[in-house]
N, C-alpha and C. Protein backbone atom coordinates (compact mmCIF):
# COMPACT_ATOMS: atom_id res chain seq x y z
N MET A 1 17.10 -54.60 46.22
CA MET A 1 18.46 -54.13 45.96
C MET A 1 18.92 -53.44 47.18
N LYS A 2 20.25 -53.49 47.38
CA LYS A 2 20.84 -52.78 48.53
C LYS A 2 21.09 -51.34 48.05
N GLY A 3 21.17 -50.44 49.06
CA GLY A 3 21.43 -49.04 48.83
C GLY A 3 22.63 -48.79 48.02
N THR A 4 23.71 -49.51 48.27
CA THR A 4 24.96 -49.30 47.51
C THR A 4 24.76 -49.64 46.03
N GLN A 5 24.02 -50.73 45.80
CA GLN A 5 23.79 -51.09 44.40
C GLN A 5 22.99 -50.03 43.66
N ILE A 6 21.95 -49.53 44.36
CA ILE A 6 21.13 -48.44 43.76
C ILE A 6 21.94 -47.24 43.46
N LYS A 7 22.80 -46.83 44.37
CA LYS A 7 23.67 -45.67 44.17
C LYS A 7 24.56 -45.86 42.99
N PHE A 8 25.13 -47.07 42.96
CA PHE A 8 26.03 -47.39 41.80
C PHE A 8 25.34 -47.31 40.47
N ILE A 9 24.12 -47.81 40.42
CA ILE A 9 23.27 -47.81 39.20
C ILE A 9 22.96 -46.36 38.83
N LEU A 10 22.63 -45.51 39.85
CA LEU A 10 22.24 -44.14 39.55
C LEU A 10 23.48 -43.40 38.98
N ILE A 11 24.61 -43.60 39.66
CA ILE A 11 25.86 -42.86 39.17
C ILE A 11 26.24 -43.38 37.78
N ALA A 12 26.15 -44.69 37.55
CA ALA A 12 26.53 -45.23 36.27
C ALA A 12 25.53 -44.69 35.17
N SER A 13 24.31 -44.56 35.59
CA SER A 13 23.26 -44.01 34.63
C SER A 13 23.54 -42.59 34.25
N LEU A 14 23.89 -41.80 35.27
CA LEU A 14 24.26 -40.39 35.00
C LEU A 14 25.46 -40.25 34.06
N ILE A 15 26.45 -41.10 34.36
CA ILE A 15 27.61 -41.08 33.52
C ILE A 15 27.27 -41.48 32.06
N LEU A 16 26.43 -42.43 31.91
CA LEU A 16 25.95 -42.80 30.54
C LEU A 16 25.20 -41.67 29.89
N VAL A 17 24.43 -40.89 30.62
CA VAL A 17 23.78 -39.76 29.99
C VAL A 17 24.76 -38.74 29.47
N VAL A 18 25.75 -38.48 30.30
CA VAL A 18 26.78 -37.51 29.88
C VAL A 18 27.51 -37.97 28.65
N LEU A 19 27.91 -39.26 28.69
CA LEU A 19 28.64 -39.81 27.51
C LEU A 19 27.78 -39.82 26.26
N ALA A 20 26.54 -40.11 26.45
CA ALA A 20 25.63 -40.14 25.28
C ALA A 20 25.47 -38.75 24.67
N THR A 21 25.42 -37.78 25.54
CA THR A 21 25.31 -36.37 25.08
C THR A 21 26.61 -35.98 24.32
N VAL A 22 27.77 -36.34 24.81
CA VAL A 22 29.00 -36.00 24.17
C VAL A 22 29.04 -36.75 22.79
N ILE A 23 28.65 -37.95 22.82
CA ILE A 23 28.68 -38.74 21.53
C ILE A 23 27.72 -38.17 20.52
N ALA A 24 26.54 -37.77 20.96
CA ALA A 24 25.53 -37.15 20.08
C ALA A 24 26.09 -35.85 19.47
N VAL A 25 26.68 -35.07 20.32
CA VAL A 25 27.22 -33.79 19.81
C VAL A 25 28.36 -33.99 18.83
N VAL A 26 29.25 -34.88 19.11
CA VAL A 26 30.37 -35.16 18.20
C VAL A 26 29.90 -35.68 16.91
N THR A 27 29.03 -36.67 16.99
CA THR A 27 28.45 -37.32 15.79
C THR A 27 27.77 -36.28 14.89
N MET A 28 26.93 -35.43 15.55
CA MET A 28 26.24 -34.36 14.81
C MET A 28 27.22 -33.47 14.18
N ASN A 29 28.27 -33.07 14.88
CA ASN A 29 29.23 -32.14 14.25
C ASN A 29 30.02 -32.75 13.06
N VAL A 30 30.35 -34.03 13.18
CA VAL A 30 31.02 -34.74 12.09
C VAL A 30 30.07 -34.78 10.92
N ARG A 31 28.86 -35.19 11.10
CA ARG A 31 27.86 -35.24 10.03
C ARG A 31 27.70 -33.90 9.34
N ARG A 32 27.57 -32.85 10.17
CA ARG A 32 27.35 -31.55 9.60
C ARG A 32 28.56 -31.11 8.83
N ALA A 33 29.74 -31.39 9.36
CA ALA A 33 30.96 -30.98 8.65
C ALA A 33 31.07 -31.71 7.30
N ASN A 34 30.75 -32.98 7.28
CA ASN A 34 30.81 -33.74 6.03
C ASN A 34 29.78 -33.22 5.00
N MET A 35 28.57 -32.91 5.52
CA MET A 35 27.52 -32.43 4.70
C MET A 35 27.89 -31.06 4.05
N LEU A 36 28.43 -30.21 4.91
CA LEU A 36 28.81 -28.86 4.41
C LEU A 36 29.99 -28.97 3.45
N LYS A 37 30.91 -29.88 3.70
CA LYS A 37 32.06 -30.04 2.88
C LYS A 37 31.67 -30.47 1.52
N SER A 38 30.70 -31.39 1.43
CA SER A 38 30.25 -31.97 0.17
C SER A 38 29.31 -31.11 -0.60
N ASN A 39 28.77 -30.02 0.10
CA ASN A 39 27.75 -29.19 -0.61
C ASN A 39 28.05 -27.70 -0.26
N PRO A 40 28.94 -27.08 -0.99
CA PRO A 40 29.27 -25.69 -0.70
C PRO A 40 28.09 -24.70 -0.79
N GLU A 41 27.16 -25.00 -1.61
CA GLU A 41 26.00 -24.13 -1.66
C GLU A 41 25.21 -24.16 -0.44
N LEU A 42 25.07 -25.34 0.12
CA LEU A 42 24.29 -25.48 1.36
C LEU A 42 25.05 -24.75 2.44
N ALA A 43 26.35 -24.86 2.47
CA ALA A 43 27.13 -24.21 3.49
C ALA A 43 26.91 -22.68 3.45
N LYS A 44 26.81 -22.21 2.23
CA LYS A 44 26.58 -20.71 2.12
C LYS A 44 25.17 -20.35 2.62
N ALA A 45 24.24 -21.22 2.39
CA ALA A 45 22.80 -20.96 2.68
C ALA A 45 22.54 -21.03 4.20
N MET A 46 23.21 -21.89 4.89
CA MET A 46 22.96 -22.06 6.30
C MET A 46 23.45 -20.90 7.11
N THR A 47 22.67 -20.48 8.06
CA THR A 47 23.07 -19.37 8.90
C THR A 47 23.56 -19.97 10.24
N TYR A 48 24.24 -19.11 10.97
CA TYR A 48 24.79 -19.54 12.28
C TYR A 48 23.62 -20.02 13.18
N ASN A 49 22.49 -19.37 13.19
CA ASN A 49 21.39 -19.68 14.06
C ASN A 49 20.83 -21.09 13.63
N GLU A 50 20.70 -21.34 12.34
CA GLU A 50 20.24 -22.60 11.87
C GLU A 50 21.12 -23.76 12.39
N VAL A 51 22.44 -23.57 12.29
CA VAL A 51 23.40 -24.56 12.76
C VAL A 51 23.25 -24.74 14.32
N LYS A 52 23.11 -23.67 15.05
CA LYS A 52 22.96 -23.81 16.50
C LYS A 52 21.64 -24.54 16.90
N GLU A 53 20.57 -24.20 16.16
CA GLU A 53 19.29 -24.86 16.39
C GLU A 53 19.39 -26.34 16.12
N GLY A 54 20.07 -26.67 15.04
CA GLY A 54 20.27 -28.09 14.72
C GLY A 54 21.09 -28.83 15.76
N GLU A 55 22.08 -28.20 16.27
CA GLU A 55 22.95 -28.82 17.33
C GLU A 55 22.11 -29.05 18.57
N GLU A 56 21.32 -28.08 18.94
CA GLU A 56 20.51 -28.20 20.12
C GLU A 56 19.46 -29.35 19.99
N LYS A 57 18.86 -29.41 18.80
CA LYS A 57 17.88 -30.39 18.54
C LYS A 57 18.51 -31.78 18.64
N GLY A 58 19.69 -31.93 17.98
CA GLY A 58 20.39 -33.27 18.04
C GLY A 58 20.82 -33.64 19.43
N ARG A 59 21.27 -32.67 20.18
CA ARG A 59 21.66 -32.91 21.62
C ARG A 59 20.47 -33.40 22.43
N LYS A 60 19.32 -32.76 22.28
CA LYS A 60 18.13 -33.09 23.06
C LYS A 60 17.64 -34.47 22.58
N GLU A 61 17.68 -34.85 21.35
CA GLU A 61 17.24 -36.12 20.89
C GLU A 61 18.16 -37.25 21.43
N GLY A 62 19.45 -36.96 21.42
CA GLY A 62 20.38 -37.92 21.95
C GLY A 62 20.24 -38.14 23.44
N GLN A 63 19.94 -37.06 24.18
CA GLN A 63 19.74 -37.17 25.60
C GLN A 63 18.49 -38.01 25.91
N LYS A 64 17.44 -37.71 25.16
CA LYS A 64 16.19 -38.42 25.39
C LYS A 64 16.32 -39.96 25.11
N GLU A 65 16.99 -40.20 23.99
CA GLU A 65 17.21 -41.64 23.66
C GLU A 65 18.01 -42.32 24.76
N GLU A 66 19.00 -41.63 25.28
CA GLU A 66 19.82 -42.31 26.35
C GLU A 66 19.07 -42.48 27.59
N LYS A 67 18.18 -41.47 27.96
CA LYS A 67 17.38 -41.59 29.20
C LYS A 67 16.45 -42.79 29.05
N ILE A 68 15.85 -42.99 27.86
CA ILE A 68 14.97 -44.12 27.61
C ILE A 68 15.77 -45.45 27.75
N SER A 69 16.95 -45.44 27.16
CA SER A 69 17.73 -46.62 27.24
C SER A 69 18.12 -46.99 28.73
N ILE A 70 18.49 -45.99 29.51
CA ILE A 70 18.82 -46.21 30.95
C ILE A 70 17.54 -46.76 31.66
N ALA A 71 16.43 -46.09 31.42
CA ALA A 71 15.21 -46.47 32.09
C ALA A 71 14.84 -47.95 31.79
N LYS A 72 15.02 -48.38 30.55
CA LYS A 72 14.76 -49.78 30.19
C LYS A 72 15.71 -50.70 30.98
N LYS A 73 16.96 -50.34 31.08
CA LYS A 73 17.93 -51.20 31.81
C LYS A 73 17.58 -51.23 33.29
N LEU A 74 17.14 -50.11 33.89
CA LEU A 74 16.75 -50.09 35.28
C LEU A 74 15.47 -50.90 35.50
N LEU A 75 14.55 -50.85 34.51
CA LEU A 75 13.39 -51.69 34.66
C LEU A 75 13.69 -53.13 34.69
N LYS A 76 14.64 -53.53 33.88
CA LYS A 76 15.04 -54.99 33.86
C LYS A 76 15.68 -55.43 35.18
N GLU A 77 16.29 -54.44 35.96
CA GLU A 77 16.82 -54.71 37.21
C GLU A 77 15.82 -54.55 38.35
N ASN A 78 14.53 -54.33 37.97
CA ASN A 78 13.46 -54.18 38.88
C ASN A 78 13.59 -53.01 39.86
N VAL A 79 14.23 -51.94 39.38
CA VAL A 79 14.33 -50.68 40.17
C VAL A 79 12.93 -50.08 40.21
N GLU A 80 12.61 -49.41 41.35
CA GLU A 80 11.33 -48.80 41.47
C GLU A 80 11.10 -47.64 40.50
N LEU A 81 9.81 -47.46 40.08
CA LEU A 81 9.51 -46.44 39.06
C LEU A 81 9.97 -45.06 39.54
N ARG A 82 9.74 -44.76 40.77
CA ARG A 82 10.08 -43.42 41.35
C ARG A 82 11.61 -43.19 41.20
N THR A 83 12.38 -44.20 41.53
CA THR A 83 13.84 -44.10 41.45
C THR A 83 14.25 -43.84 40.04
N ILE A 84 13.65 -44.59 39.09
CA ILE A 84 13.98 -44.44 37.67
C ILE A 84 13.64 -43.03 37.23
N ALA A 85 12.49 -42.53 37.65
CA ALA A 85 12.02 -41.24 37.24
C ALA A 85 13.00 -40.14 37.75
N ILE A 86 13.47 -40.32 38.97
CA ILE A 86 14.42 -39.35 39.53
C ILE A 86 15.75 -39.42 38.82
N THR A 87 16.18 -40.56 38.47
CA THR A 87 17.47 -40.77 37.85
C THR A 87 17.49 -40.29 36.43
N THR A 88 16.40 -40.55 35.67
CA THR A 88 16.41 -40.22 34.26
C THR A 88 15.71 -38.91 33.90
N GLY A 89 14.89 -38.45 34.79
CA GLY A 89 14.14 -37.24 34.47
C GLY A 89 12.88 -37.54 33.64
N LEU A 90 12.62 -38.78 33.37
CA LEU A 90 11.35 -39.21 32.69
C LEU A 90 10.24 -39.23 33.76
N THR A 91 9.02 -39.11 33.26
CA THR A 91 7.90 -39.18 34.17
C THR A 91 7.59 -40.62 34.46
N GLU A 92 6.89 -40.86 35.53
CA GLU A 92 6.52 -42.24 35.83
C GLU A 92 5.57 -42.85 34.77
N GLU A 93 4.76 -41.99 34.14
CA GLU A 93 3.93 -42.39 33.04
C GLU A 93 4.74 -42.86 31.84
N GLN A 94 5.80 -42.09 31.49
CA GLN A 94 6.65 -42.48 30.39
C GLN A 94 7.31 -43.83 30.73
N ILE A 95 7.72 -44.03 31.93
CA ILE A 95 8.43 -45.23 32.35
C ILE A 95 7.44 -46.42 32.33
N LYS A 96 6.22 -46.15 32.74
CA LYS A 96 5.17 -47.26 32.63
C LYS A 96 4.97 -47.73 31.21
N GLU A 97 4.92 -46.74 30.30
CA GLU A 97 4.85 -47.07 28.89
C GLU A 97 6.05 -47.95 28.38
N LEU A 98 7.25 -47.55 28.85
CA LEU A 98 8.44 -48.37 28.50
C LEU A 98 8.30 -49.75 29.05
N ALA A 99 7.76 -49.87 30.27
CA ALA A 99 7.61 -51.19 30.92
C ALA A 99 6.65 -52.11 30.12
N LYS A 100 5.66 -51.53 29.51
CA LYS A 100 4.71 -52.23 28.67
C LYS A 100 5.45 -52.78 27.45
N ASP A 101 6.42 -52.05 26.94
CA ASP A 101 7.13 -52.44 25.76
C ASP A 101 8.20 -53.49 25.98
N LYS A 102 8.51 -53.75 27.25
CA LYS A 102 9.58 -54.74 27.53
C LYS A 102 9.22 -56.02 27.00
């Protein structure tokens, strides 16, 4: 691959990670709002910290899923493992495992 193509893939990948994070947060907030609206007792029982912890957990899960998705796409394009690791933040070992699952 040419340098310009790799740069484009890296930039596109980073944009996808940001978008996935935003989508995960919005989805989580909508689900939470619907859950709390339908169950007033639960709304009373939940504390602010519990809500924040749930948001953080959902955000991290969404980010990890998106990183894995991007890594799989880059593997299909035969991008080097080191480049995928730098782009996604996954370890080369994690990427090798994903490559086995292809």
